[in-house]
């Protein structure tokens, strides 16, 4: 009996999706590096603005000036959060790859089990075939002996 893997269509579909993901991976990696650099710049700018706020407050800056600096820091923080969210979205493409690898491993194990079952079935059929063959020879010999009498 031929081997049939019930999840073969899923593996094929995941393979197609993964090929697309592989093509998109290099640009996505470059975008991730760019986002990380951008995030570093934003963090440095936020730290500089925070130091400016402290320095301005010590020098006696007005509330309006301090408020503007604080709003600048808040907008930089929002940019930072957006950059982090984009950076975290990149690894999801790797999960699809791992799932397909798991399915392929499952198929390999089922193929091996199927081949083992086929070999075991052939091994149990072989003695039965030999017994039937020996029985036929014995009957033929008995018939030949009765016919000779």
C-alpha atoms as a PDB file:
ATOM      1  CA  UNK A   1       0.000   0.000   0.000  1.00  0.00           C
ATOM      2  CA  UNK A   2       1.343   3.411  -0.938  1.00  0.00           C
ATOM      3  CA  UNK A   3       2.088   5.942   1.770  1.00  0.00           C
ATOM      4  CA  UNK A   4      -0.404   8.776   2.134  1.00  0.00           C
ATOM      5  CA  UNK A   5       0.396  11.710   4.417  1.00  0.00           C
ATOM      6  CA  UNK A   6      -2.894  13.371   5.415  1.00  0.00           C
ATOM      7  CA  UNK A   7      -1.298  16.788   5.967  1.00  0.00           C
ATOM      8  CA  UNK A   8       0.517  16.919   2.604  1.00  0.00           C
ATOM      9  CA  UNK A   9      -1.695  19.744   1.330  1.00  0.00           C
ATOM     10  CA  UNK A  10      -0.897  21.772   4.447  1.00  0.00           C
ATOM     11  CA  UNK A  11       2.840  21.216   3.938  1.00  0.00           C
ATOM     12  CA  UNK A  12       2.585  22.305   0.286  1.00  0.00           C
ATOM     13  CA  UNK A  13       0.630  25.425   1.227  1.00  0.00           C
ATOM     14  CA  UNK A  14       3.057  26.290   4.030  1.00  0.00           C
ATOM     15  CA  UNK A  15       5.907  25.761   1.563  1.00  0.00           C
ATOM     16  CA  UNK A  16       4.403  28.326  -0.802  1.00  0.00           C
ATOM     17  CA  UNK A  17       3.882  30.768   2.040  1.00  0.00           C
ATOM     18  CA  UNK A  18       7.412  30.187   3.209  1.00  0.00           C
ATOM     19  CA  UNK A  19       8.894  30.842  -0.227  1.00  0.00           C
ATOM     20  CA  UNK A  20       7.167  34.216  -0.191  1.00  0.00           C
ATOM     21  CA  UNK A  21       8.397  34.824   3.348  1.00  0.00           C
ATOM     22  CA  UNK A  22      11.956  33.892   2.344  1.00  0.00           C
ATOM     23  CA  UNK A  23      11.840  36.425  -0.490  1.00  0.00           C
ATOM     24  CA  UNK A  24      10.569  39.040   1.944  1.00  0.00           C
ATOM     25  CA  UNK A  25      13.072  38.133   4.662  1.00  0.00           C
ATOM     26  CA  UNK A  26      16.096  40.049   3.323  1.00  0.00           C
ATOM     27  CA  UNK A  27      14.206  43.343   2.910  1.00  0.00           C
ATOM     28  CA  UNK A  28      12.513  42.750   6.270  1.00  0.00           C
ATOM     29  CA  UNK A  29      15.913  42.233   7.911  1.00  0.00           C
ATOM     30  CA  UNK A  30      17.160  45.481   6.400  1.00  0.00           C
ATOM     31  CA  UNK A  31      14.014  47.263   7.631  1.00  0.00           C
ATOM     32  CA  UNK A  32      14.589  45.814  11.096  1.00  0.00           C
ATOM     33  CA  UNK A  33      18.166  47.098  11.141  1.00  0.00           C
ATOM     34  CA  UNK A  34      16.946  50.507   9.968  1.00  0.00           C
ATOM     35  CA  UNK A  35      14.258  50.531  12.644  1.00  0.00           C
ATOM     36  CA  UNK A  36      16.801  49.622  15.310  1.00  0.00           C
ATOM     37  CA  UNK A  37      19.086  52.472  14.199  1.00  0.00           C
ATOM     38  CA  UNK A  38      16.099  54.824  14.139  1.00  0.00           C
ATOM     39  CA  UNK A  39      15.107  53.660  17.612  1.00  0.00           C
ATOM     40  CA  UNK A  40      18.637  54.327  18.855  1.00  0.00           C
ATOM     41  CA  UNK A  41      18.516  57.862  17.442  1.00  0.00           C
ATOM     42  CA  UNK A  42      15.124  58.476  19.054  1.00  0.00           C
ATOM     43  CA  UNK A  43      16.402  57.215  22.418  1.00  0.00           C
ATOM     44  CA  UNK A  44      19.434  59.490  22.194  1.00  0.00           C
ATOM     45  CA  UNK A  45      17.226  62.450  21.272  1.00  0.00           C
ATOM     46  CA  UNK A  46      14.862  61.700  24.183  1.00  0.00           C
ATOM     47  CA  UNK A  47      17.786  61.582  26.601  1.00  0.00           C
ATOM     48  CA  UNK A  48      19.119  64.870  25.227  1.00  0.00           C
ATOM     49  CA  UNK A  49      15.691  66.522  25.526  1.00  0.00           C
ATOM     50  CA  UNK A  50      15.276  65.243  29.096  1.00  0.00           C
ATOM     51  CA  UNK A  51      18.665  66.710  30.009  1.00  0.00           C
ATOM     52  CA  UNK A  52      17.613  69.974  28.348  1.00  0.00           C
ATOM     53  CA  UNK A  53      14.414  70.048  30.415  1.00  0.00           C
ATOM     54  CA  UNK A  54      16.371  69.561  33.648  1.00  0.00           C
ATOM     55  CA  UNK A  55      18.944  72.159  32.668  1.00  0.00           C
ATOM     56  CA  UNK A  56      16.247  74.661  31.602  1.00  0.00           C
ATOM     57  CA  UNK A  57      14.311  74.113  34.823  1.00  0.00           C
ATOM     58  CA  UNK A  58      17.435  74.827  36.881  1.00  0.00           C
ATOM     59  CA  UNK A  59      18.027  78.011  34.916  1.00  0.00           C
ATOM     60  CA  UNK A  60      14.466  79.155  35.567  1.00  0.00           C
ATOM     61  CA  UNK A  61      12.769  78.539  32.205  1.00  0.00           C
ATOM     62  CA  UNK A  62       9.091  79.383  31.894  1.00  0.00           C
ATOM     63  CA  UNK A  63       6.367  76.782  32.151  1.00  0.00           C
ATOM     64  CA  UNK A  64       5.580  77.226  28.476  1.00  0.00           C
ATOM     65  CA  UNK A  65       9.161  76.422  27.454  1.00  0.00           C
ATOM     66  CA  UNK A  66       9.269  73.405  29.766  1.00  0.00           C
ATOM     67  CA  UNK A  67       5.859  72.252  28.467  1.00  0.00           C
ATOM     68  CA  UNK A  68       7.085  72.392  24.861  1.00  0.00           C
ATOM     69  CA  UNK A  69      10.182  70.383  25.746  1.00  0.00           C
ATOM     70  CA  UNK A  70       8.016  67.827  27.575  1.00  0.00           C
ATOM     71  CA  UNK A  71       5.699  67.528  24.529  1.00  0.00           C
ATOM     72  CA  UNK A  72       8.765  66.950  22.349  1.00  0.00           C
ATOM     73  CA  UNK A  73       9.879  64.130  24.618  1.00  0.00           C
ATOM     74  CA  UNK A  74       6.369  62.627  24.544  1.00  0.00           C
ATOM     75  CA  UNK A  75       6.248  62.699  20.734  1.00  0.00           C
ATOM     76  CA  UNK A  76       9.665  61.049  20.623  1.00  0.00           C
ATOM     77  CA  UNK A  77       8.377  58.394  23.022  1.00  0.00           C
ATOM     78  CA  UNK A  78       5.389  57.722  20.710  1.00  0.00           C
ATOM     79  CA  UNK A  79       7.794  57.361  17.770  1.00  0.00           C
ATOM     80  CA  UNK A  80       9.870  54.998  19.870  1.00  0.00           C
ATOM     81  CA  UNK A  81       6.837  52.836  20.685  1.00  0.00           C
ATOM     82  CA  UNK A  82       5.850  52.681  17.004  1.00  0.00           C
ATOM     83  CA  UNK A  83       9.385  51.674  16.005  1.00  0.00           C
ATOM     84  CA  UNK A  84       9.452  48.943  18.657  1.00  0.00           C
ATOM     85  CA  UNK A  85       6.065  47.615  17.458  1.00  0.00           C
ATOM     86  CA  UNK A  86       7.335  47.416  13.868  1.00  0.00           C
ATOM     87  CA  UNK A  87      10.503  45.694  15.018  1.00  0.00           C
ATOM     88  CA  UNK A  88       8.539  43.093  16.994  1.00  0.00           C
ATOM     89  CA  UNK A  89       6.325  42.301  13.983  1.00  0.00           C
ATOM     90  CA  UNK A  90       9.342  40.985  12.011  1.00  0.00           C
ATOM     91  CA  UNK A  91       9.922  37.683  13.931  1.00  0.00           C
ATOM     92  CA  UNK A  92       6.366  36.468  13.144  1.00  0.00           C
ATOM     93  CA  UNK A  93       7.633  35.474   9.699  1.00  0.00           C
ATOM     94  CA  UNK A  94      10.063  33.069  11.343  1.00  0.00           C
ATOM     95  CA  UNK A  95       7.235  31.248  13.151  1.00  0.00           C
ATOM     96  CA  UNK A  96       5.755  30.102   9.828  1.00  0.00           C
ATOM     97  CA  UNK A  97       9.080  28.543   8.917  1.00  0.00           C
ATOM     98  CA  UNK A  98       9.317  26.606  12.170  1.00  0.00           C
ATOM     99  CA  UNK A  99       5.751  25.320  11.786  1.00  0.00           C
ATOM    100  CA  UNK A 100       6.501  23.996   8.299  1.00  0.00           C
ATOM    101  CA  UNK A 101       9.680  22.326   9.551  1.00  0.00           C
ATOM    102  CA  UNK A 102       7.657  20.652  12.279  1.00  0.00           C
ATOM    103  CA  UNK A 103       5.132  19.372   9.707  1.00  0.00           C
ATOM    104  CA  UNK A 104       7.922  18.044   7.497  1.00  0.00           C
ATOM    105  CA  UNK A 105       9.457  16.217  10.468  1.00  0.00           C
ATOM    106  CA  UNK A 106       6.045  14.741  11.297  1.00  0.00           C
ATOM    107  CA  UNK A 107       5.697  13.515   7.696  1.00  0.00           C
ATOM    108  CA  UNK A 108       9.172  11.979   7.823  1.00  0.00           C
ATOM    109  CA  UNK A 109       8.297  10.098  11.023  1.00  0.00           C
ATOM    110  CA  UNK A 110       5.037   8.838   9.548  1.00  0.00           C
ATOM    111  CA  UNK A 111       6.836   7.681   6.380  1.00  0.00           C
ATOM    112  CA  UNK A 112       9.351   5.785   8.492  1.00  0.00           C
ATOM    113  CA  UNK A 113       6.587   4.174  10.556  1.00  0.00           C
ATOM    114  CA  UNK A 114       4.705   3.249   7.386  1.00  0.00           C
ATOM    115  CA  UNK A 115       7.817   1.657   5.863  1.00  0.00           C
ATOM    116  CA  UNK A 116       8.422  -0.239   9.107  1.00  0.00           C
ATOM    117  CA  UNK A 117       4.808  -1.483   9.138  1.00  0.00           C
ATOM    118  CA  UNK A 118       5.142  -2.572   5.487  1.00  0.00           C
ATOM    119  CA  UNK A 119       8.331  -4.505   6.263  1.00  0.00           C
ATOM    120  CA  UNK A 120       6.756  -6.138   9.301  1.00  0.00           C
ATOM    121  CA  UNK A 121       3.681  -7.072   7.251  1.00  0.00           C
ATOM    122  CA  UNK A 122       5.867  -8.589   4.527  1.00  0.00           C
ATOM    123  CA  UNK A 123       7.821 -10.521   7.143  1.00  0.00           C
ATOM    124  CA  UNK A 124       4.635 -12.004   8.614  1.00  0.00           C
ATOM    125  CA  UNK A 125       3.259 -12.855   5.147  1.00  0.00           C
ATOM    126  CA  UNK A 126       6.472 -14.602   4.073  1.00  0.00           C
ATOM    127  CA  UNK A 127       6.266 -17.485   6.617  1.00  0.00           C
ATOM    128  CA  UNK A 128       2.617 -17.945   5.725  1.00  0.00           C
ATOM    129  CA  UNK A 129       3.529 -18.153   2.036  1.00  0.00           C
ATOM    130  CA  UNK A 130       6.252 -20.660   2.781  1.00  0.00           C
ATOM    131  CA  UNK A 131       3.856 -22.773   4.870  1.00  0.00           C
ATOM    132  CA  UNK A 132       1.256 -22.732   2.110  1.00  0.00           C
ATOM    133  CA  UNK A 133       3.916 -23.701  -0.423  1.00  0.00           C
ATOM    134  CA  UNK A 134       5.101 -26.577   1.763  1.00  0.00           C
ATOM    135  CA  UNK A 135       1.494 -27.719   2.203  1.00  0.00           C
ATOM    136  CA  UNK A 136       0.961 -27.734  -1.565  1.00  0.00           C
ATOM    137  CA  UNK A 137       4.119 -29.766  -2.100  1.00  0.00           C
ATOM    138  CA  UNK A 138       3.034 -32.246   0.572  1.00  0.00           C
ATOM    139  CA  UNK A 139      -0.432 -32.620  -0.989  1.00  0.00           C
ATOM    140  CA  UNK A 140       1.083 -33.072  -4.427  1.00  0.00           C
ATOM    141  CA  UNK A 141       3.411 -35.691  -3.021  1.00  0.00           C
ATOM    142  CA  UNK A 142       0.465 -37.443  -1.328  1.00  0.00           C
ATOM    143  CA  UNK A 143      -1.546 -37.340  -4.547  1.00  0.00           C
ATOM    144  CA  UNK A 144       1.411 -38.680  -6.499  1.00  0.00           C
ATOM    145  CA  UNK A 145       1.920 -41.456  -3.922  1.00  0.00           C
ATOM    146  CA  UNK A 146      -1.814 -42.440  -4.036  1.00  0.00           C
ATOM    147  CA  UNK A 147      -1.760 -42.360  -7.829  1.00  0.00           C
ATOM    148  CA  UNK A 148       1.300 -44.641  -7.903  1.00  0.00           C
ATOM    149  CA  UNK A 149      -0.434 -47.329  -5.743  1.00  0.00           C
END
